[in-house]
């Protein structure tokens, strides 16, 4: 960590902004995922009758689409993070490296 380039980058105001934004987004999306996942697990554990309700006249129960919803939610929040990382975070990173190289 004695490299002057590393110290220059770490003290750059945009680097501090990048870290703050990235950490805030990561914590927020992680909390959402934990709520959704453990909410589904809690339904399985404590309200089996609700999840066992059939949909229509077939054999599919309400638990199946809710479980698929958890999987789709995971894909959506991953896409949100990737879009933000490839856009805003990459732009900030390029600006930081450009300023540090001068």
PDB file of N, CA and C in Angstrom:
ATOM      1  N   UNK A   1       0.805  -1.195   0.000  1.00  0.00           N
ATOM      2  CA  UNK A   1       0.000   0.000   0.000  1.00  0.00           C
ATOM      3  C   UNK A   1       0.852   1.264   0.000  1.00  0.00           C
ATOM      4  N   UNK A   2       2.124   1.131  -0.158  1.00  0.00           N
ATOM      5  CA  UNK A   2       2.981   2.308  -0.174  1.00  0.00           C
ATOM      6  C   UNK A   2       3.119   2.890  -1.584  1.00  0.00           C
ATOM      7  N   UNK A   3       2.486   2.269  -2.555  1.00  0.00           N
ATOM      8  CA  UNK A   3       2.521   2.754  -3.925  1.00  0.00           C
ATOM      9  C   UNK A   3       1.820   4.114  -4.002  1.00  0.00           C
ATOM     10  N   UNK A   4       2.494   5.123  -4.539  1.00  0.00           N
ATOM     11  CA  UNK A   4       1.866   6.458  -4.589  1.00  0.00           C
ATOM     12  C   UNK A   4       0.599   6.494  -5.445  1.00  0.00           C
ATOM     13  N   UNK A   5       0.528   5.661  -6.481  1.00  0.00           N
ATOM     14  CA  UNK A   5      -0.668   5.611  -7.328  1.00  0.00           C
ATOM     15  C   UNK A   5      -1.867   5.106  -6.521  1.00  0.00           C
ATOM     16  N   UNK A   6      -1.638   4.096  -5.701  1.00  0.00           N
ATOM     17  CA  UNK A   6      -2.715   3.549  -4.870  1.00  0.00           C
ATOM     18  C   UNK A   6      -3.198   4.603  -3.886  1.00  0.00           C
ATOM     19  N   UNK A   7      -2.273   5.304  -3.261  1.00  0.00           N
ATOM     20  CA  UNK A   7      -2.647   6.344  -2.302  1.00  0.00           C
ATOM     21  C   UNK A   7      -3.387   7.493  -3.004  1.00  0.00           C
ATOM     22  N   UNK A   8      -2.954   7.820  -4.194  1.00  0.00           N
ATOM     23  CA  UNK A   8      -3.600   8.886  -4.960  1.00  0.00           C
ATOM     24  C   UNK A   8      -5.044   8.503  -5.294  1.00  0.00           C
ATOM     25  N   UNK A   9      -5.242   7.248  -5.706  1.00  0.00           N
ATOM     26  CA  UNK A   9      -6.587   6.774  -6.039  1.00  0.00           C
ATOM     27  C   UNK A   9      -7.464   6.718  -4.795  1.00  0.00           C
ATOM     28  N   UNK A  10      -6.925   6.184  -3.704  1.00  0.00           N
ATOM     29  CA  UNK A  10      -7.723   6.036  -2.497  1.00  0.00           C
ATOM     30  C   UNK A  10      -8.114   7.368  -1.869  1.00  0.00           C
ATOM     31  N   UNK A  11      -7.359   8.407  -2.118  1.00  0.00           N
ATOM     32  CA  UNK A  11      -7.697   9.713  -1.554  1.00  0.00           C
ATOM     33  C   UNK A  11      -8.519  10.571  -2.517  1.00  0.00           C
ATOM     34  N   UNK A  12      -8.768  10.065  -3.704  1.00  0.00           N
ATOM     35  CA  UNK A  12      -9.537  10.806  -4.720  1.00  0.00           C
ATOM     36  C   UNK A  12     -11.003  10.897  -4.275  1.00  0.00           C
ATOM     37  N   UNK A  13     -11.616  12.073  -4.349  1.00  0.00           N
ATOM     38  CA  UNK A  13     -13.012  12.225  -3.915  1.00  0.00           C
ATOM     39  C   UNK A  13     -13.997  11.347  -4.703  1.00  0.00           C
ATOM     40  N   UNK A  14     -13.723  11.136  -5.979  1.00  0.00           N
ATOM     41  CA  UNK A  14     -14.617  10.286  -6.779  1.00  0.00           C
ATOM     42  C   UNK A  14     -14.499   8.821  -6.386  1.00  0.00           C
ATOM     43  N   UNK A  15     -13.328   8.417  -5.899  1.00  0.00           N
ATOM     44  CA  UNK A  15     -13.166   7.048  -5.418  1.00  0.00           C
ATOM     45  C   UNK A  15     -14.002   6.840  -4.160  1.00  0.00           C
ATOM     46  N   UNK A  16     -13.980   7.823  -3.281  1.00  0.00           N
ATOM     47  CA  UNK A  16     -14.792   7.736  -2.069  1.00  0.00           C
ATOM     48  C   UNK A  16     -16.284   7.716  -2.427  1.00  0.00           C
ATOM     49  N   UNK A  17     -16.669   8.498  -3.426  1.00  0.00           N
ATOM     50  CA  UNK A  17     -18.058   8.493  -3.907  1.00  0.00           C
ATOM     51  C   UNK A  17     -18.417   7.133  -4.489  1.00  0.00           C
ATOM     52  N   UNK A  18     -17.515   6.565  -5.288  1.00  0.00           N
ATOM     53  CA  UNK A  18     -17.740   5.252  -5.890  1.00  0.00           C
ATOM     54  C   UNK A  18     -17.935   4.191  -4.814  1.00  0.00           C
ATOM     55  N   UNK A  19     -17.041   4.186  -3.838  1.00  0.00           N
ATOM     56  CA  UNK A  19     -17.155   3.199  -2.753  1.00  0.00           C
ATOM     57  C   UNK A  19     -18.467   3.333  -2.007  1.00  0.00           C
ATOM     58  N   UNK A  20     -18.844   4.569  -1.709  1.00  0.00           N
ATOM     59  CA  UNK A  20     -20.089   4.800  -0.972  1.00  0.00           C
ATOM     60  C   UNK A  20     -21.295   4.326  -1.765  1.00  0.00           C
ATOM     61  N   UNK A  21     -21.375   4.709  -3.026  1.00  0.00           N
ATOM     62  CA  UNK A  21     -22.518   4.319  -3.863  1.00  0.00           C
ATOM     63  C   UNK A  21     -22.582   2.813  -4.062  1.00  0.00           C
ATOM     64  N   UNK A  22     -21.433   2.207  -4.337  1.00  0.00           N
ATOM     65  CA  UNK A  22     -21.399   0.756  -4.575  1.00  0.00           C
ATOM     66  C   UNK A  22     -21.780  -0.016  -3.316  1.00  0.00           C
ATOM     67  N   UNK A  23     -21.250   0.397  -2.180  1.00  0.00           N
ATOM     68  CA  UNK A  23     -21.577  -0.284  -0.929  1.00  0.00           C
ATOM     69  C   UNK A  23     -23.042  -0.109  -0.559  1.00  0.00           C
ATOM     70  N   UNK A  24     -23.558   1.107  -0.732  1.00  0.00           N
ATOM     71  CA  UNK A  24     -24.961   1.374  -0.407  1.00  0.00           C
ATOM     72  C   UNK A  24     -25.889   0.526  -1.274  1.00  0.00           C
ATOM     73  N   UNK A  25     -25.606   0.468  -2.560  1.00  0.00           N
ATOM     74  CA  UNK A  25     -26.433  -0.342  -3.458  1.00  0.00           C
ATOM     75  C   UNK A  25     -26.328  -1.825  -3.109  1.00  0.00           C
ATOM     76  N   UNK A  26     -25.117  -2.286  -2.854  1.00  0.00           N
ATOM     77  CA  UNK A  26     -24.924  -3.697  -2.509  1.00  0.00           C
ATOM     78  C   UNK A  26     -25.655  -4.093  -1.238  1.00  0.00           C
ATOM     79  N   UNK A  27     -25.596  -3.250  -0.229  1.00  0.00           N
ATOM     80  CA  UNK A  27     -26.284  -3.543   1.033  1.00  0.00           C
ATOM     81  C   UNK A  27     -27.790  -3.522   0.833  1.00  0.00           C
ATOM     82  N   UNK A  28     -28.286  -2.532   0.072  1.00  0.00           N
ATOM     83  CA  UNK A  28     -29.721  -2.427  -0.176  1.00  0.00           C
ATOM     84  C   UNK A  28     -30.243  -3.656  -0.923  1.00  0.00           C
ATOM     85  N   UNK A  29     -29.561  -4.060  -1.997  1.00  0.00           N
ATOM     86  CA  UNK A  29     -30.016  -5.209  -2.778  1.00  0.00           C
ATOM     87  C   UNK A  29     -29.876  -6.512  -1.985  1.00  0.00           C
ATOM     88  N   UNK A  30     -28.842  -6.606  -1.172  1.00  0.00           N
ATOM     89  CA  UNK A  30     -28.680  -7.790  -0.325  1.00  0.00           C
ATOM     90  C   UNK A  30     -29.814  -7.890   0.684  1.00  0.00           C
ATOM     91  N   UNK A  31     -30.158  -6.762   1.305  1.00  0.00           N
ATOM     92  CA  UNK A  31     -31.265  -6.755   2.266  1.00  0.00           C
ATOM     93  C   UNK A  31     -32.575  -7.155   1.594  1.00  0.00           C
ATOM     94  N   UNK A  32     -32.834  -6.608   0.401  1.00  0.00           N
ATOM     95  CA  UNK A  32     -34.041  -6.994  -0.333  1.00  0.00           C
ATOM     96  C   UNK A  32     -34.064  -8.494  -0.612  1.00  0.00           C
ATOM     97  N   UNK A  33     -32.942  -9.024  -1.068  1.00  0.00           N
ATOM     98  CA  UNK A  33     -32.888 -10.447  -1.391  1.00  0.00           C
ATOM     99  C   UNK A  33     -33.115 -11.302  -0.151  1.00  0.00           C
ATOM    100  N   UNK A  34     -32.515 -10.914   0.967  1.00  0.00           N
ATOM    101  CA  UNK A  34     -32.707 -11.676   2.199  1.00  0.00           C
ATOM    102  C   UNK A  34     -34.165 -11.644   2.655  1.00  0.00           C
ATOM    103  N   UNK A  35     -34.798 -10.489   2.523  1.00  0.00           N
ATOM    104  CA  UNK A  35     -36.209 -10.378   2.909  1.00  0.00           C
ATOM    105  C   UNK A  35     -37.073 -11.284   2.038  1.00  0.00           C
ATOM    106  N   UNK A  36     -36.855 -11.239   0.733  1.00  0.00           N
ATOM    107  CA  UNK A  36     -37.657 -12.057  -0.183  1.00  0.00           C
ATOM    108  C   UNK A  36     -37.386 -13.542   0.051  1.00  0.00           C
ATOM    109  N   UNK A  37     -36.125 -13.931   0.115  1.00  0.00           N
ATOM    110  CA  UNK A  37     -35.785 -15.349   0.262  1.00  0.00           C
ATOM    111  C   UNK A  37     -36.268 -15.898   1.603  1.00  0.00           C
ATOM    112  N   UNK A  38     -35.924 -15.214   2.686  1.00  0.00           N
ATOM    113  CA  UNK A  38     -36.322 -15.729   3.997  1.00  0.00           C
ATOM    114  C   UNK A  38     -37.822 -15.579   4.230  1.00  0.00           C
ATOM    115  N   UNK A  39     -38.457 -14.620   3.549  1.00  0.00           N
ATOM    116  CA  UNK A  39     -39.916 -14.541   3.607  1.00  0.00           C
ATOM    117  C   UNK A  39     -40.551 -15.777   2.991  1.00  0.00           C
ATOM    118  N   UNK A  40     -39.999 -16.213   1.879  1.00  0.00           N
ATOM    119  CA  UNK A  40     -40.505 -17.428   1.228  1.00  0.00           C
ATOM    120  C   UNK A  40     -40.256 -18.657   2.109  1.00  0.00           C
ATOM    121  N   UNK A  41     -39.085 -18.739   2.669  1.00  0.00           N
ATOM    122  CA  UNK A  41     -38.775 -19.863   3.563  1.00  0.00           C
ATOM    123  C   UNK A  41     -39.683 -19.835   4.790  1.00  0.00           C
ATOM    124  N   UNK A  42     -39.972 -18.636   5.315  1.00  0.00           N
ATOM    125  CA  UNK A  42     -40.878 -18.521   6.461  1.00  0.00           C
ATOM    126  C   UNK A  42     -42.286 -18.982   6.084  1.00  0.00           C
ATOM    127  N   UNK A  43     -42.717 -18.658   4.865  1.00  0.00           N
ATOM    128  CA  UNK A  43     -44.018 -19.159   4.411  1.00  0.00           C
ATOM    129  C   UNK A  43     -44.031 -20.686   4.365  1.00  0.00           C
ATOM    130  N   UNK A  44     -42.961 -21.254   3.881  1.00  0.00           N
ATOM    131  CA  UNK A  44     -42.876 -22.718   3.830  1.00  0.00           C
ATOM    132  C   UNK A  44     -42.935 -23.298   5.240  1.00  0.00           C
ATOM    133  N   UNK A  45     -42.240 -22.651   6.159  1.00  0.00           N
ATOM    134  CA  UNK A  45     -42.161 -23.181   7.518  1.00  0.00           C
ATOM    135  C   UNK A  45     -43.452 -22.959   8.315  1.00  0.00           C
ATOM    136  N   UNK A  46     -44.089 -21.804   8.147  1.00  0.00           N
ATOM    137  CA  UNK A  46     -45.174 -21.445   9.050  1.00  0.00           C
ATOM    138  C   UNK A  46     -46.571 -21.409   8.422  1.00  0.00           C
ATOM    139  N   UNK A  47     -46.684 -21.422   7.116  1.00  0.00           N
ATOM    140  CA  UNK A  47     -48.003 -21.349   6.491  1.00  0.00           C
ATOM    141  C   UNK A  47     -48.082 -22.268   5.273  1.00  0.00           C
ATOM    142  N   UNK A  48     -47.910 -23.546   5.526  1.00  0.00           N
ATOM    143  CA  UNK A  48     -47.934 -24.533   4.444  1.00  0.00           C
ATOM    144  C   UNK A  48     -49.293 -24.579   3.745  1.00  0.00           C
ATOM    145  N   UNK A  49     -50.348 -24.342   4.504  1.00  0.00           N
ATOM    146  CA  UNK A  49     -51.689 -24.403   3.904  1.00  0.00           C
ATOM    147  C   UNK A  49     -51.874 -23.300   2.854  1.00  0.00           C
ATOM    148  N   UNK A  50     -51.322 -22.139   3.117  1.00  0.00           N
ATOM    149  CA  UNK A  50     -51.415 -21.049   2.143  1.00  0.00           C
ATOM    150  C   UNK A  50     -50.710 -21.426   0.848  1.00  0.00           C
ATOM    151  N   UNK A  51     -49.501 -21.967   0.948  1.00  0.00           N
ATOM    152  CA  UNK A  51     -48.738 -22.338  -0.247  1.00  0.00           C
ATOM    153  C   UNK A  51     -49.313 -23.565  -0.951  1.00  0.00           C
ATOM    154  N   UNK A  52     -50.074 -24.384  -0.213  1.00  0.00           N
ATOM    155  CA  UNK A  52     -50.624 -25.612  -0.785  1.00  0.00           C
ATOM    156  C   UNK A  52     -51.947 -25.386  -1.508  1.00  0.00           C
ATOM    157  N   UNK A  53     -52.441 -24.164  -1.526  1.00  0.00           N
ATOM    158  CA  UNK A  53     -53.700 -23.890  -2.218  1.00  0.00           C
ATOM    159  C   UNK A  53     -53.533 -24.123  -3.715  1.00  0.00           C
ATOM    160  N   UNK A  54     -54.405 -24.916  -4.295  1.00  0.00           N
ATOM    161  CA  UNK A  54     -54.298 -25.163  -5.738  1.00  0.00           C
ATOM    162  C   UNK A  54     -54.688 -23.929  -6.545  1.00  0.00           C
ATOM    163  N   UNK A  55     -54.061 -23.819  -7.702  1.00  0.00           N
ATOM    164  CA  UNK A  55     -54.405 -22.752  -8.637  1.00  0.00           C
ATOM    165  C   UNK A  55     -55.282 -23.374  -9.710  1.00  0.00           C
ATOM    166  N   UNK A  56     -56.499 -22.905  -9.819  1.00  0.00           N
ATOM    167  CA  UNK A  56     -57.424 -23.460 -10.804  1.00  0.00           C
ATOM    168  C   UNK A  56     -57.792 -24.897 -10.477  1.00  0.00           C
ATOM    169  N   UNK A  57     -57.957 -25.709 -11.523  1.00  0.00           N
ATOM    170  CA  UNK A  57     -58.362 -27.101 -11.325  1.00  0.00           C
ATOM    171  C   UNK A  57     -57.192 -28.069 -11.451  1.00  0.00           C
ATOM    172  N   UNK A  58     -55.994 -27.549 -11.709  1.00  0.00           N
ATOM    173  CA  UNK A  58     -54.825 -28.416 -11.897  1.00  0.00           C
ATOM    174  C   UNK A  58     -54.167 -28.789 -10.575  1.00  0.00           C
ATOM    175  N   UNK A  59     -52.977 -29.325 -10.702  1.00  0.00           N
ATOM    176  CA  UNK A  59     -52.236 -29.763  -9.526  1.00  0.00           C
ATOM    177  C   UNK A  59     -51.225 -28.719  -9.052  1.00  0.00           C
ATOM    178  N   UNK A  60     -51.063 -27.637  -9.781  1.00  0.00           N
ATOM    179  CA  UNK A  60     -50.110 -26.598  -9.402  1.00  0.00           C
ATOM    180  C   UNK A  60     -50.644 -25.823  -8.207  1.00  0.00           C
ATOM    181  N   UNK A  61     -49.792 -25.645  -7.234  1.00  0.00           N
ATOM    182  CA  UNK A  61     -50.190 -24.909  -6.032  1.00  0.00           C
ATOM    183  C   UNK A  61     -49.633 -23.496  -6.076  1.00  0.00           C
ATOM    184  N   UNK A  62     -50.069 -22.679  -5.152  1.00  0.00           N
ATOM    185  CA  UNK A  62     -49.651 -21.287  -5.071  1.00  0.00           C
ATOM    186  C   UNK A  62     -48.150 -21.158  -4.778  1.00  0.00           C
ATOM    187  N   UNK A  63     -47.572 -22.164  -4.159  1.00  0.00           N
ATOM    188  CA  UNK A  63     -46.147 -22.126  -3.835  1.00  0.00           C
ATOM    189  C   UNK A  63     -45.234 -22.101  -5.049  1.00  0.00           C
ATOM    190  N   UNK A  64     -45.676 -22.715  -6.136  1.00  0.00           N
ATOM    191  CA  UNK A  64     -44.853 -22.775  -7.354  1.00  0.00           C
ATOM    192  C   UNK A  64     -44.640 -21.387  -7.960  1.00  0.00           C
ATOM    193  N   UNK A  65     -45.683 -20.616  -8.243  1.00  0.00           N
ATOM    194  CA  UNK A  65     -45.425 -19.286  -8.811  1.00  0.00           C
ATOM    195  C   UNK A  65     -44.712 -18.349  -7.840  1.00  0.00           C
ATOM    196  N   UNK A  66     -44.957 -18.504  -6.558  1.00  0.00           N
ATOM    197  CA  UNK A  66     -44.239 -17.660  -5.585  1.00  0.00           C
ATOM    198  C   UNK A  66     -42.754 -18.022  -5.597  1.00  0.00           C
ATOM    199  N   UNK A  67     -42.442 -19.307  -5.644  1.00  0.00           N
ATOM    200  CA  UNK A  67     -41.045 -19.741  -5.730  1.00  0.00           C
ATOM    201  C   UNK A  67     -40.385 -19.266  -7.005  1.00  0.00           C
ATOM    202  N   UNK A  68     -41.117 -19.306  -8.117  1.00  0.00           N
ATOM    203  CA  UNK A  68     -40.582 -18.785  -9.377  1.00  0.00           C
ATOM    204  C   UNK A  68     -40.378 -17.279  -9.278  1.00  0.00           C
ATOM    205  N   UNK A  69     -41.256 -16.619  -8.539  1.00  0.00           N
ATOM    206  CA  UNK A  69     -41.112 -15.183  -8.321  1.00  0.00           C
ATOM    207  C   UNK A  69     -39.831 -14.841  -7.586  1.00  0.00           C
ATOM    208  N   UNK A  70     -39.460 -15.684  -6.629  1.00  0.00           N
ATOM    209  CA  UNK A  70     -38.190 -15.476  -5.902  1.00  0.00           C
ATOM    210  C   UNK A  70     -37.019 -15.583  -6.874  1.00  0.00           C
ATOM    211  N   UNK A  71     -37.055 -16.564  -7.742  1.00  0.00           N
ATOM    212  CA  UNK A  71     -35.976 -16.738  -8.724  1.00  0.00           C
ATOM    213  C   UNK A  71     -35.936 -15.558  -9.693  1.00  0.00           C
ATOM    214  N   UNK A  72     -37.086 -15.136 -10.186  1.00  0.00           N
ATOM    215  CA  UNK A  72     -37.141 -13.997 -11.106  1.00  0.00           C
ATOM    216  C   UNK A  72     -36.671 -12.723 -10.413  1.00  0.00           C
ATOM    217  N   UNK A  73     -37.057 -12.545  -9.146  1.00  0.00           N
ATOM    218  CA  UNK A  73     -36.607 -11.384  -8.374  1.00  0.00           C
ATOM    219  C   UNK A  73     -35.082 -11.358  -8.279  1.00  0.00           C
ATOM    220  N   UNK A  74     -34.484 -12.527  -8.079  1.00  0.00           N
ATOM    221  CA  UNK A  74     -33.023 -12.617  -8.012  1.00  0.00           C
ATOM    222  C   UNK A  74     -32.385 -12.171  -9.321  1.00  0.00           C
ATOM    223  N   UNK A  75     -32.956 -12.610 -10.426  1.00  0.00           N
ATOM    224  CA  UNK A  75     -32.436 -12.221 -11.740  1.00  0.00           C
ATOM    225  C   UNK A  75     -32.586 -10.717 -11.947  1.00  0.00           C
ATOM    226  N   UNK A  76     -33.712 -10.165 -11.541  1.00  0.00           N
ATOM    227  CA  UNK A  76     -33.962  -8.730 -11.716  1.00  0.00           C
ATOM    228  C   UNK A  76     -32.984  -7.887 -10.906  1.00  0.00           C
ATOM    229  N   UNK A  77     -32.768  -8.240  -9.642  1.00  0.00           N
ATOM    230  CA  UNK A  77     -31.848  -7.414  -8.846  1.00  0.00           C
ATOM    231  C   UNK A  77     -30.401  -7.582  -9.311  1.00  0.00           C
ATOM    232  N   UNK A  78     -30.076  -8.755  -9.858  1.00  0.00           N
ATOM    233  CA  UNK A  78     -28.747  -8.931 -10.448  1.00  0.00           C
ATOM    234  C   UNK A  78     -28.600  -8.027 -11.670  1.00  0.00           C
ATOM    235  N   UNK A  79     -29.635  -7.972 -12.496  1.00  0.00           N
ATOM    236  CA  UNK A  79     -29.603  -7.106 -13.679  1.00  0.00           C
ATOM    237  C   UNK A  79     -29.497  -5.635 -13.284  1.00  0.00           C
ATOM    238  N   UNK A  80     -30.176  -5.247 -12.220  1.00  0.00           N
ATOM    239  CA  UNK A  80     -30.087  -3.868 -11.730  1.00  0.00           C
ATOM    240  C   UNK A  80     -28.648  -3.541 -11.332  1.00  0.00           C
ATOM    241  N   UNK A  81     -28.023  -4.457 -10.591  1.00  0.00           N
ATOM    242  CA  UNK A  81     -26.652  -4.205 -10.161  1.00  0.00           C
ATOM    243  C   UNK A  81     -25.705  -4.149 -11.362  1.00  0.00           C
ATOM    244  N   UNK A  82     -25.848  -5.077 -12.289  1.00  0.00           N
ATOM    245  CA  UNK A  82     -24.963  -5.115 -13.461  1.00  0.00           C
ATOM    246  C   UNK A  82     -25.124  -3.858 -14.304  1.00  0.00           C
ATOM    247  N   UNK A  83     -26.359  -3.424 -14.501  1.00  0.00           N
ATOM    248  CA  UNK A  83     -26.605  -2.213 -15.288  1.00  0.00           C
ATOM    249  C   UNK A  83     -25.957  -0.998 -14.620  1.00  0.00           C
ATOM    250  N   UNK A  84     -26.111  -0.896 -13.329  1.00  0.00           N
ATOM    251  CA  UNK A  84     -25.532   0.246 -12.609  1.00  0.00           C
ATOM    252  C   UNK A  84     -24.008   0.150 -12.596  1.00  0.00           C
ATOM    253  N   UNK A  85     -23.472  -1.062 -12.436  1.00  0.00           N
ATOM    254  CA  UNK A  85     -22.016  -1.241 -12.417  1.00  0.00           C
ATOM    255  C   UNK A  85     -21.416  -0.922 -13.781  1.00  0.00           C
ATOM    256  N   UNK A  86     -22.076  -1.369 -14.848  1.00  0.00           N
ATOM    257  CA  UNK A  86     -21.550  -1.118 -16.197  1.00  0.00           C
ATOM    258  C   UNK A  86     -21.743   0.326 -16.631  1.00  0.00           C
ATOM    259  N   UNK A  87     -22.634   1.028 -16.011  1.00  0.00           N
ATOM    260  CA  UNK A  87     -22.887   2.418 -16.375  1.00  0.00           C
ATOM    261  C   UNK A  87     -22.175   3.381 -15.440  1.00  0.00           C
ATOM    262  N   UNK A  88     -22.825   3.688 -14.354  1.00  0.00           N
ATOM    263  CA  UNK A  88     -22.339   4.703 -13.417  1.00  0.00           C
ATOM    264  C   UNK A  88     -21.001   4.336 -12.782  1.00  0.00           C
ATOM    265  N   UNK A  89     -20.869   3.103 -12.298  1.00  0.00           N
ATOM    266  CA  UNK A  89     -19.643   2.725 -11.590  1.00  0.00           C
ATOM    267  C   UNK A  89     -18.443   2.673 -12.522  1.00  0.00           C
ATOM    268  N   UNK A  90     -18.633   2.155 -13.739  1.00  0.00           N
ATOM    269  CA  UNK A  90     -17.522   2.117 -14.702  1.00  0.00           C
ATOM    270  C   UNK A  90     -17.106   3.522 -15.126  1.00  0.00           C
ATOM    271  N   UNK A  91     -18.077   4.415 -15.277  1.00  0.00           N
ATOM    272  CA  UNK A  91     -17.758   5.796 -15.636  1.00  0.00           C
ATOM    273  C   UNK A  91     -16.927   6.459 -14.542  1.00  0.00           C
ATOM    274  N   UNK A  92     -17.338   6.272 -13.298  1.00  0.00           N
ATOM    275  CA  UNK A  92     -16.564   6.836 -12.182  1.00  0.00           C
ATOM    276  C   UNK A  92     -15.158   6.243 -12.128  1.00  0.00           C
ATOM    277  N   UNK A  93     -15.054   4.946 -12.366  1.00  0.00           N
ATOM    278  CA  UNK A  93     -13.742   4.287 -12.342  1.00  0.00           C
ATOM    279  C   UNK A  93     -12.825   4.856 -13.413  1.00  0.00           C
ATOM    280  N   UNK A  94     -13.354   5.051 -14.611  1.00  0.00           N
ATOM    281  CA  UNK A  94     -12.552   5.628 -15.703  1.00  0.00           C
ATOM    282  C   UNK A  94     -12.095   7.038 -15.358  1.00  0.00           C
ATOM    283  N   UNK A  95     -12.979   7.834 -14.765  1.00  0.00           N
ATOM    284  CA  UNK A  95     -12.624   9.190 -14.374  1.00  0.00           C
ATOM    285  C   UNK A  95     -11.531   9.189 -13.300  1.00  0.00           C
ATOM    286  N   UNK A  96     -11.641   8.279 -12.365  1.00  0.00           N
ATOM    287  CA  UNK A  96     -10.642   8.185 -11.297  1.00  0.00           C
ATOM    288  C   UNK A  96      -9.292   7.813 -11.877  1.00  0.00           C
ATOM    289  N   UNK A  97      -9.263   6.803 -12.740  1.00  0.00           N
ATOM    290  CA  UNK A  97      -7.997   6.380 -13.335  1.00  0.00           C
ATOM    291  C   UNK A  97      -7.393   7.450 -14.232  1.00  0.00           C
ATOM    292  N   UNK A  98      -8.244   8.169 -14.946  1.00  0.00           N
ATOM    293  CA  UNK A  98      -7.761   9.260 -15.801  1.00  0.00           C
ATOM    294  C   UNK A  98      -7.124  10.357 -14.950  1.00  0.00           C
ATOM    295  N   UNK A  99      -7.787  10.740 -13.861  1.00  0.00           N
ATOM    296  CA  UNK A  99      -7.232  11.774 -12.974  1.00  0.00           C
ATOM    297  C   UNK A  99      -5.970  11.303 -12.270  1.00  0.00           C
ATOM    298  N   UNK A 100      -5.926  10.031 -11.902  1.00  0.00           N
ATOM    299  CA  UNK A 100      -4.770   9.504 -11.177  1.00  0.00           C
ATOM    300  C   UNK A 100      -3.555   9.377 -12.078  1.00  0.00           C
ATOM    301  N   UNK A 101      -3.786   9.153 -13.356  1.00  0.00           N
ATOM    302  CA  UNK A 101      -2.675   8.982 -14.293  1.00  0.00           C
ATOM    303  C   UNK A 101      -1.963  10.312 -14.593  1.00  0.00           C
ATOM    304  N   UNK A 102      -2.623  11.415 -14.331  1.00  0.00           N
ATOM    305  CA  UNK A 102      -2.024  12.727 -14.626  1.00  0.00           C
ATOM    306  C   UNK A 102      -1.005  13.127 -13.590  1.00  0.00           C
TER     307      UNK A 102
END
